[in-house]
Amino acid sequence: MSTNNSAPAETETNSLSPSAPTQNKSNDAQGQFSAAVDDLLDQLQHKFDTTSREMFGKFDDMARRLDELEASLSAAGDGGATDASAK
């Protein structure tokens, strides 16, 4: 019985040996693919960060302009009310 158990084990070991170079190649390919995906994700993150900064800058500028417009309209409304009461 022990000889029957050892024979398949040797066959399995022998069958794994030829596939070892194939596994190394597939590991290399997977490593290259992972590196390419990581690089792509880094590029996308950089673009996203840049776009986010630009958008927030434009939002801040727009908020500043709206505040200035509101202050201008408020000053014009106060000046118009004073002119109307003077008449």
PDB file of N, CA and C in Angstrom:
ATOM      1  N   MET A   1       0.804  -1.182   0.000  1.00  0.00           N
ATOM      2  CA  MET A   1       0.000   0.000   0.000  1.00  0.00           C
ATOM      3  C   MET A   1       0.848   1.248   0.000  1.00  0.00           C
ATOM      4  N   SER A   2       1.942   1.207   0.729  1.00  0.00           N
ATOM      5  CA  SER A   2       2.771   2.398   0.791  1.00  0.00           C
ATOM      6  C   SER A   2       3.414   2.688  -0.559  1.00  0.00           C
ATOM      7  N   THR A   3       3.683   1.665  -1.379  1.00  0.00           N
ATOM      8  CA  THR A   3       4.258   1.900  -2.698  1.00  0.00           C
ATOM      9  C   THR A   3       3.243   2.556  -3.611  1.00  0.00           C
ATOM     10  N   ASN A   4       1.980   2.234  -3.466  1.00  0.00           N
ATOM     11  CA  ASN A   4       0.962   2.885  -4.290  1.00  0.00           C
ATOM     12  C   ASN A   4       0.832   4.363  -3.932  1.00  0.00           C
ATOM     13  N   ASN A   5       0.972   4.694  -2.664  1.00  0.00           N
ATOM     14  CA  ASN A   5       0.870   6.088  -2.251  1.00  0.00           C
ATOM     15  C   ASN A   5       2.077   6.900  -2.698  1.00  0.00           C
ATOM     16  N   SER A   6       3.256   6.294  -2.747  1.00  0.00           N
ATOM     17  CA  SER A   6       4.446   7.041  -3.136  1.00  0.00           C
ATOM     18  C   SER A   6       4.507   7.275  -4.634  1.00  0.00           C
ATOM     19  N   ALA A   7       3.966   6.388  -5.422  1.00  0.00           N
ATOM     20  CA  ALA A   7       4.016   6.542  -6.875  1.00  0.00           C
ATOM     21  C   ALA A   7       3.236   7.771  -7.331  1.00  0.00           C
ATOM     22  N   PRO A   8       2.012   7.983  -6.881  1.00  0.00           N
ATOM     23  CA  PRO A   8       1.319   9.195  -7.323  1.00  0.00           C
ATOM     24  C   PRO A   8       1.993  10.464  -6.820  1.00  0.00           C
ATOM     25  N   ALA A   9       2.594  10.407  -5.648  1.00  0.00           N
ATOM     26  CA  ALA A   9       3.281  11.585  -5.135  1.00  0.00           C
ATOM     27  C   ALA A   9       4.450  11.950  -6.036  1.00  0.00           C
ATOM     28  N   GLU A  10       5.180  10.954  -6.502  1.00  0.00           N
ATOM     29  CA  GLU A  10       6.287  11.234  -7.415  1.00  0.00           C
ATOM     30  C   GLU A  10       5.765  11.780  -8.725  1.00  0.00           C
ATOM     31  N   THR A  11       4.667  11.253  -9.211  1.00  0.00           N
ATOM     32  CA  THR A  11       4.087  11.729 -10.464  1.00  0.00           C
ATOM     33  C   THR A  11       3.647  13.176 -10.309  1.00  0.00           C
ATOM     34  N   GLU A  12       3.043  13.508  -9.176  1.00  0.00           N
ATOM     35  CA  GLU A  12       2.613  14.885  -8.942  1.00  0.00           C
ATOM     36  C   GLU A  12       3.816  15.810  -8.851  1.00  0.00           C
ATOM     37  N   THR A  13       4.880  15.378  -8.202  1.00  0.00           N
ATOM     38  CA  THR A  13       6.084  16.188  -8.079  1.00  0.00           C
ATOM     39  C   THR A  13       6.705  16.408  -9.443  1.00  0.00           C
ATOM     40  N   ASN A  14       6.764  15.346 -10.250  1.00  0.00           N
ATOM     41  CA  ASN A  14       7.323  15.471 -11.588  1.00  0.00           C
ATOM     42  C   ASN A  14       6.452  16.355 -12.468  1.00  0.00           C
ATOM     43  N   SER A  15       5.158  16.299 -12.287  1.00  0.00           N
ATOM     44  CA  SER A  15       4.292  17.114 -13.121  1.00  0.00           C
ATOM     45  C   SER A  15       4.380  18.587 -12.729  1.00  0.00           C
ATOM     46  N   LEU A  16       4.774  18.886 -11.481  1.00  0.00           N
ATOM     47  CA  LEU A  16       4.910  20.275 -11.057  1.00  0.00           C
ATOM     48  C   LEU A  16       6.207  20.899 -11.551  1.00  0.00           C
ATOM     49  N   SER A  17       7.220  20.096 -11.731  1.00  0.00           N
ATOM     50  CA  SER A  17       8.513  20.632 -12.147  1.00  0.00           C
ATOM     51  C   SER A  17       8.459  21.332 -13.490  1.00  0.00           C
ATOM     52  N   PRO A  18       7.846  20.770 -14.535  1.00  0.00           N
ATOM     53  CA  PRO A  18       7.794  21.490 -15.802  1.00  0.00           C
ATOM     54  C   PRO A  18       6.953  22.760 -15.735  1.00  0.00           C
ATOM     55  N   SER A  19       6.007  22.803 -14.823  1.00  0.00           N
ATOM     56  CA  SER A  19       5.159  23.988 -14.764  1.00  0.00           C
ATOM     57  C   SER A  19       5.806  25.114 -13.964  1.00  0.00           C
ATOM     58  N   ALA A  20       6.883  24.862 -13.265  1.00  0.00           N
ATOM     59  CA  ALA A  20       7.544  25.888 -12.461  1.00  0.00           C
ATOM     60  C   ALA A  20       7.995  27.070 -13.310  1.00  0.00           C
ATOM     61  N   PRO A  21       8.650  26.877 -14.476  1.00  0.00           N
ATOM     62  CA  PRO A  21       8.999  28.040 -15.304  1.00  0.00           C
ATOM     63  C   PRO A  21       7.757  28.786 -15.780  1.00  0.00           C
ATOM     64  N   THR A  22       6.690  28.078 -16.050  1.00  0.00           N
ATOM     65  CA  THR A  22       5.451  28.726 -16.479  1.00  0.00           C
ATOM     66  C   THR A  22       4.895  29.582 -15.347  1.00  0.00           C
ATOM     67  N   GLN A  23       4.998  29.083 -14.121  1.00  0.00           N
ATOM     68  CA  GLN A  23       4.518  29.858 -12.978  1.00  0.00           C
ATOM     69  C   GLN A  23       5.373  31.111 -12.793  1.00  0.00           C
ATOM     70  N   ASN A  24       6.681  30.995 -13.008  1.00  0.00           N
ATOM     71  CA  ASN A  24       7.554  32.164 -12.893  1.00  0.00           C
ATOM     72  C   ASN A  24       7.180  33.206 -13.941  1.00  0.00           C
ATOM     73  N   LYS A  25       6.903  32.747 -15.174  1.00  0.00           N
ATOM     74  CA  LYS A  25       6.516  33.671 -16.236  1.00  0.00           C
ATOM     75  C   LYS A  25       5.181  34.327 -15.909  1.00  0.00           C
ATOM     76  N   SER A  26       4.248  33.532 -15.396  1.00  0.00           N
ATOM     77  CA  SER A  26       2.948  34.121 -15.070  1.00  0.00           C
ATOM     78  C   SER A  26       3.082  35.077 -13.881  1.00  0.00           C
ATOM     79  N   ASN A  27       3.975  34.764 -12.934  1.00  0.00           N
ATOM     80  CA  ASN A  27       4.221  35.684 -11.817  1.00  0.00           C
ATOM     81  C   ASN A  27       4.839  36.978 -12.315  1.00  0.00           C
ATOM     82  N   ASP A  28       5.776  36.871 -13.279  1.00  0.00           N
ATOM     83  CA  ASP A  28       6.378  38.068 -13.864  1.00  0.00           C
ATOM     84  C   ASP A  28       5.320  38.892 -14.583  1.00  0.00           C
ATOM     85  N   ALA A  29       4.463  38.212 -15.351  1.00  0.00           N
ATOM     86  CA  ALA A  29       3.408  38.913 -16.077  1.00  0.00           C
ATOM     87  C   ALA A  29       2.440  39.569 -15.098  1.00  0.00           C
ATOM     88  N   GLN A  30       2.098  38.865 -14.030  1.00  0.00           N
ATOM     89  CA  GLN A  30       1.210  39.446 -13.033  1.00  0.00           C
ATOM     90  C   GLN A  30       1.871  40.628 -12.339  1.00  0.00           C
ATOM     91  N   GLY A  31       3.156  40.505 -12.068  1.00  0.00           N
ATOM     92  CA  GLY A  31       3.888  41.608 -11.446  1.00  0.00           C
ATOM     93  C   GLY A  31       3.933  42.830 -12.341  1.00  0.00           C
ATOM     94  N   GLN A  32       4.170  42.613 -13.633  1.00  0.00           N
ATOM     95  CA  GLN A  32       4.192  43.719 -14.581  1.00  0.00           C
ATOM     96  C   GLN A  32       2.816  44.354 -14.713  1.00  0.00           C
ATOM     97  N   PHE A  33       1.796  43.497 -14.740  1.00  0.00           N
ATOM     98  CA  PHE A  33       0.430  44.003 -14.832  1.00  0.00           C
ATOM     99  C   PHE A  33       0.083  44.814 -13.588  1.00  0.00           C
ATOM    100  N   SER A  34       0.446  44.303 -12.435  1.00  0.00           N
ATOM    101  CA  SER A  34       0.189  45.023 -11.176  1.00  0.00           C
ATOM    102  C   SER A  34       0.923  46.354 -11.162  1.00  0.00           C
ATOM    103  N   ALA A  35       2.154  46.365 -11.627  1.00  0.00           N
ATOM    104  CA  ALA A  35       2.926  47.607 -11.672  1.00  0.00           C
ATOM    105  C   ALA A  35       2.279  48.606 -12.630  1.00  0.00           C
ATOM    106  N   ALA A  36       1.807  48.118 -13.775  1.00  0.00           N
ATOM    107  CA  ALA A  36       1.157  49.001 -14.746  1.00  0.00           C
ATOM    108  C   ALA A  36      -0.142  49.568 -14.173  1.00  0.00           C
ATOM    109  N   VAL A  37      -0.906  48.734 -13.494  1.00  0.00           N
ATOM    110  CA  VAL A  37      -2.158  49.195 -12.885  1.00  0.00           C
ATOM    111  C   VAL A  37      -1.858  50.203 -11.780  1.00  0.00           C
ATOM    112  N   ASP A  38      -0.851  49.934 -10.957  1.00  0.00           N
ATOM    113  CA  ASP A  38      -0.470  50.871  -9.900  1.00  0.00           C
ATOM    114  C   ASP A  38      -0.042  52.216 -10.487  1.00  0.00           C
ATOM    115  N   ASP A  39       0.730  52.172 -11.571  1.00  0.00           N
ATOM    116  CA  ASP A  39       1.171  53.396 -12.226  1.00  0.00           C
ATOM    117  C   ASP A  39      -0.027  54.171 -12.772  1.00  0.00           C
ATOM    118  N   LEU A  40      -0.951  53.463 -13.399  1.00  0.00           N
ATOM    119  CA  LEU A  40      -2.150  54.103 -13.935  1.00  0.00           C
ATOM    120  C   LEU A  40      -2.978  54.729 -12.819  1.00  0.00           C
ATOM    121  N   LEU A  41      -3.132  54.020 -11.723  1.00  0.00           N
ATOM    122  CA  LEU A  41      -3.884  54.559 -10.584  1.00  0.00           C
ATOM    123  C   LEU A  41      -3.194  55.792  -9.999  1.00  0.00           C
ATOM    124  N   ASP A  42      -1.867  55.777  -9.948  1.00  0.00           N
ATOM    125  CA  ASP A  42      -1.127  56.946  -9.468  1.00  0.00           C
ATOM    126  C   ASP A  42      -1.354  58.150 -10.379  1.00  0.00           C
ATOM    127  N   GLN A  43      -1.339  57.910 -11.689  1.00  0.00           N
ATOM    128  CA  GLN A  43      -1.584  58.991 -12.647  1.00  0.00           C
ATOM    129  C   GLN A  43      -2.991  59.553 -12.489  1.00  0.00           C
ATOM    130  N   LEU A  44      -3.962  58.660 -12.337  1.00  0.00           N
ATOM    131  CA  LEU A  44      -5.335  59.112 -12.158  1.00  0.00           C
ATOM    132  C   LEU A  44      -5.502  59.892 -10.861  1.00  0.00           C
ATOM    133  N   GLN A  45      -4.847  59.436  -9.806  1.00  0.00           N
ATOM    134  CA  GLN A  45      -4.912  60.139  -8.522  1.00  0.00           C
ATOM    135  C   GLN A  45      -4.318  61.538  -8.652  1.00  0.00           C
ATOM    136  N   HIS A  46      -3.188  61.639  -9.357  1.00  0.00           N
ATOM    137  CA  HIS A  46      -2.548  62.942  -9.556  1.00  0.00           C
ATOM    138  C   HIS A  46      -3.472  63.874 -10.339  1.00  0.00           C
ATOM    139  N   LYS A  47      -4.080  63.368 -11.415  1.00  0.00           N
ATOM    140  CA  LYS A  47      -4.991  64.186 -12.212  1.00  0.00           C
ATOM    141  C   LYS A  47      -6.205  64.608 -11.393  1.00  0.00           C
ATOM    142  N   PHE A  48      -6.724  63.683 -10.597  1.00  0.00           N
ATOM    143  CA  PHE A  48      -7.872  63.994  -9.757  1.00  0.00           C
ATOM    144  C   PHE A  48      -7.525  65.076  -8.743  1.00  0.00           C
ATOM    145  N   ASP A  49      -6.350  64.957  -8.116  1.00  0.00           N
ATOM    146  CA  ASP A  49      -5.914  65.961  -7.143  1.00  0.00           C
ATOM    147  C   ASP A  49      -5.774  67.332  -7.793  1.00  0.00           C
ATOM    148  N   THR A  50      -5.175  67.359  -8.976  1.00  0.00           N
ATOM    149  CA  THR A  50      -4.978  68.613  -9.691  1.00  0.00           C
ATOM    150  C   THR A  50      -6.324  69.247 -10.043  1.00  0.00           C
ATOM    151  N   THR A  51      -7.229  68.443 -10.576  1.00  0.00           N
ATOM    152  CA  THR A  51      -8.542  68.943 -10.955  1.00  0.00           C
ATOM    153  C   THR A  51      -9.318  69.415  -9.732  1.00  0.00           C
ATOM    154  N   SER A  52      -9.226  68.687  -8.654  1.00  0.00           N
ATOM    155  CA  SER A  52      -9.913  69.085  -7.420  1.00  0.00           C
ATOM    156  C   SER A  52      -9.397  70.424  -6.919  1.00  0.00           C
ATOM    157  N   ARG A  53      -8.069  70.591  -6.914  1.00  0.00           N
ATOM    158  CA  ARG A  53      -7.491  71.859  -6.468  1.00  0.00           C
ATOM    159  C   ARG A  53      -7.971  73.009  -7.344  1.00  0.00           C
ATOM    160  N   GLU A  54      -7.988  72.791  -8.669  1.00  0.00           N
ATOM    161  CA  GLU A  54      -8.429  73.841  -9.586  1.00  0.00           C
ATOM    162  C   GLU A  54      -9.899  74.183  -9.353  1.00  0.00           C
ATOM    163  N   MET A  55     -10.721  73.174  -9.166  1.00  0.00           N
ATOM    164  CA  MET A  55     -12.149  73.414  -8.945  1.00  0.00           C
ATOM    165  C   MET A  55     -12.388  74.169  -7.639  1.00  0.00           C
ATOM    166  N   PHE A  56     -11.717  73.750  -6.566  1.00  0.00           N
ATOM    167  CA  PHE A  56     -11.893  74.443  -5.296  1.00  0.00           C
ATOM    168  C   PHE A  56     -11.390  75.882  -5.380  1.00  0.00           C
ATOM    169  N   GLY A  57     -10.323  76.099  -6.142  1.00  0.00           N
ATOM    170  CA  GLY A  57      -9.840  77.464  -6.353  1.00  0.00           C
ATOM    171  C   GLY A  57     -10.876  78.307  -7.080  1.00  0.00           C
ATOM    172  N   LYS A  58     -11.510  77.727  -8.090  1.00  0.00           N
ATOM    173  CA  LYS A  58     -12.535  78.459  -8.840  1.00  0.00           C
ATOM    174  C   LYS A  58     -13.777  78.697  -7.973  1.00  0.00           C
ATOM    175  N   PHE A  59     -14.131  77.719  -7.147  1.00  0.00           N
ATOM    176  CA  PHE A  59     -15.262  77.910  -6.230  1.00  0.00           C
ATOM    177  C   PHE A  59     -14.973  79.041  -5.248  1.00  0.00           C
ATOM    178  N   ASP A  60     -13.764  79.071  -4.717  1.00  0.00           N
ATOM    179  CA  ASP A  60     -13.382  80.136  -3.786  1.00  0.00           C
ATOM    180  C   ASP A  60     -13.447  81.501  -4.467  1.00  0.00           C
ATOM    181  N   ASP A  61     -12.948  81.568  -5.715  1.00  0.00           N
ATOM    182  CA  ASP A  61     -12.985  82.810  -6.473  1.00  0.00           C
ATOM    183  C   ASP A  61     -14.430  83.238  -6.725  1.00  0.00           C
ATOM    184  N   MET A  62     -15.278  82.286  -7.081  1.00  0.00           N
ATOM    185  CA  MET A  62     -16.680  82.587  -7.333  1.00  0.00           C
ATOM    186  C   MET A  62     -17.373  83.066  -6.051  1.00  0.00           C
ATOM    187  N   ALA A  63     -17.070  82.437  -4.928  1.00  0.00           N
ATOM    188  CA  ALA A  63     -17.654  82.856  -3.646  1.00  0.00           C
ATOM    189  C   ALA A  63     -17.208  84.269  -3.296  1.00  0.00           C
ATOM    190  N   ARG A  64     -15.932  84.577  -3.542  1.00  0.00           N
ATOM    191  CA  ARG A  64     -15.418  85.926  -3.280  1.00  0.00           C
ATOM    192  C   ARG A  64     -16.135  86.948  -4.150  1.00  0.00           C
ATOM    193  N   ARG A  65     -16.316  86.614  -5.425  1.00  0.00           N
ATOM    194  CA  ARG A  65     -17.005  87.536  -6.338  1.00  0.00           C
ATOM    195  C   ARG A  65     -18.461  87.748  -5.917  1.00  0.00           C
ATOM    196  N   LEU A  66     -19.117  86.667  -5.506  1.00  0.00           N
ATOM    197  CA  LEU A  66     -20.505  86.797  -5.056  1.00  0.00           C
ATOM    198  C   LEU A  66     -20.598  87.661  -3.805  1.00  0.00           C
ATOM    199  N   ASP A  67     -19.632  87.489  -2.891  1.00  0.00           N
ATOM    200  CA  ASP A  67     -19.610  88.330  -1.690  1.00  0.00           C
ATOM    201  C   ASP A  67     -19.428  89.801  -2.068  1.00  0.00           C
ATOM    202  N   GLU A  68     -18.529  90.073  -3.017  1.00  0.00           N
ATOM    203  CA  GLU A  68     -18.310  91.443  -3.469  1.00  0.00           C
ATOM    204  C   GLU A  68     -19.567  92.007  -4.128  1.00  0.00           C
ATOM    205  N   LEU A  69     -20.238  91.178  -4.938  1.00  0.00           N
ATOM    206  CA  LEU A  69     -21.468  91.617  -5.607  1.00  0.00           C
ATOM    207  C   LEU A  69     -22.562  91.899  -4.582  1.00  0.00           C
ATOM    208  N   GLU A  70     -22.682  91.026  -3.587  1.00  0.00           N
ATOM    209  CA  GLU A  70     -23.675  91.220  -2.536  1.00  0.00           C
ATOM    210  C   GLU A  70     -23.390  92.509  -1.761  1.00  0.00           C
ATOM    211  N   ALA A  71     -22.129  92.743  -1.445  1.00  0.00           N
ATOM    212  CA  ALA A  71     -21.755  93.967  -0.729  1.00  0.00           C
ATOM    213  C   ALA A  71     -22.040  95.192  -1.593  1.00  0.00           C
ATOM    214  N   SER A  72     -21.764  95.097  -2.882  1.00  0.00           N
ATOM    215  CA  SER A  72     -22.011  96.211  -3.797  1.00  0.00           C
ATOM    216  C   SER A  72     -23.505  96.501  -3.910  1.00  0.00           C
ATOM    217  N   LEU A  73     -24.308  95.454  -4.026  1.00  0.00           N
ATOM    218  CA  LEU A  73     -25.756  95.635  -4.120  1.00  0.00           C
ATOM    219  C   LEU A  73     -26.320  96.190  -2.811  1.00  0.00           C
ATOM    220  N   SER A  74     -25.787  95.708  -1.721  1.00  0.00           N
ATOM    221  CA  SER A  74     -26.227  96.203  -0.414  1.00  0.00           C
ATOM    222  C   SER A  74     -25.883  97.677  -0.261  1.00  0.00           C
ATOM    223  N   ALA A  75     -24.690  98.078  -0.676  1.00  0.00           N
ATOM    224  CA  ALA A  75     -24.266  99.479  -0.589  1.00  0.00           C
ATOM    225  C   ALA A  75     -25.108 100.335  -1.529  1.00  0.00           C
ATOM    226  N   ALA A  76     -25.407  99.807  -2.712  1.00  0.00           N
ATOM    227  CA  ALA A  76     -26.227 100.555  -3.661  1.00  0.00           C
ATOM    228  C   ALA A  76     -27.646 100.680  -3.139  1.00  0.00           C
ATOM    229  N   GLY A  77     -28.152  99.644  -2.493  1.00  0.00           N
ATOM    230  CA  GLY A  77     -29.506  99.700  -1.930  1.00  0.00           C
ATOM    231  C   GLY A  77     -29.578 100.678  -0.779  1.00  0.00           C
ATOM    232  N   ASP A  78     -28.558 100.706   0.056  1.00  0.00           N
ATOM    233  CA  ASP A  78     -28.526 101.645   1.173  1.00  0.00           C
ATOM    234  C   ASP A  78     -28.402 103.076   0.656  1.00  0.00           C
ATOM    235  N   GLY A  79     -27.627 103.292  -0.362  1.00  0.00           N
ATOM    236  CA  GLY A  79     -27.447 104.631  -0.951  1.00  0.00           C
ATOM    237  C   GLY A  79     -28.726 105.090  -1.616  1.00  0.00           C
ATOM    238  N   GLY A  80     -29.445 104.177  -2.250  1.00  0.00           N
ATOM    239  CA  GLY A  80     -30.718 104.525  -2.910  1.00  0.00           C
ATOM    240  C   GLY A  80     -31.784 104.845  -1.884  1.00  0.00           C
ATOM    241  N   ALA A  81     -31.772 104.151  -0.775  1.00  0.00           N
ATOM    242  CA  ALA A  81     -32.763 104.423   0.281  1.00  0.00           C
ATOM    243  C   ALA A  81     -32.496 105.779   0.908  1.00  0.00           C
ATOM    244  N   THR A  82     -31.254 106.157   1.040  1.00  0.00           N
ATOM    245  CA  THR A  82     -30.916 107.458   1.620  1.00  0.00           C
ATOM    246  C   THR A  82     -31.299 108.566   0.671  1.00  0.00           C
ATOM    247  N   ASP A  83     -31.084 108.352  -0.629  1.00  0.00           N
ATOM    248  CA  ASP A  83     -31.449 109.356  -1.632  1.00  0.00           C
ATOM    249  C   ASP A  83     -32.968 109.537  -1.661  1.00  0.00           C
ATOM    250  N   ALA A  84     -33.718 108.458  -1.550  1.00  0.00           N
ATOM    251  CA  ALA A  84     -35.176 108.522  -1.613  1.00  0.00           C
ATOM    252  C   ALA A  84     -35.729 109.243  -0.389  1.00  0.00           C
ATOM    253  N   SER A  85     -35.138 109.031   0.782  1.00  0.00           N
ATOM    254  CA  SER A  85     -35.632 109.688   2.001  1.00  0.00           C
ATOM    255  C   SER A  85     -35.248 111.178   2.009  1.00  0.00           C
ATOM    256  N   ALA A  86     -34.191 111.541   1.277  1.00  0.00           N
ATOM    257  CA  ALA A  86     -33.770 112.930   1.227  1.00  0.00           C
ATOM    258  C   ALA A  86     -34.726 113.756   0.375  1.00  0.00           C
ATOM    259  N   LYS A  87     -35.443 113.133  -0.550  1.00  0.00           N
ATOM    260  CA  LYS A  87     -36.330 113.868  -1.454  1.00  0.00           C
ATOM    261  C   LYS A  87     -37.591 114.183  -0.813  1.00  0.00           C
TER     262      LYS A  87
END
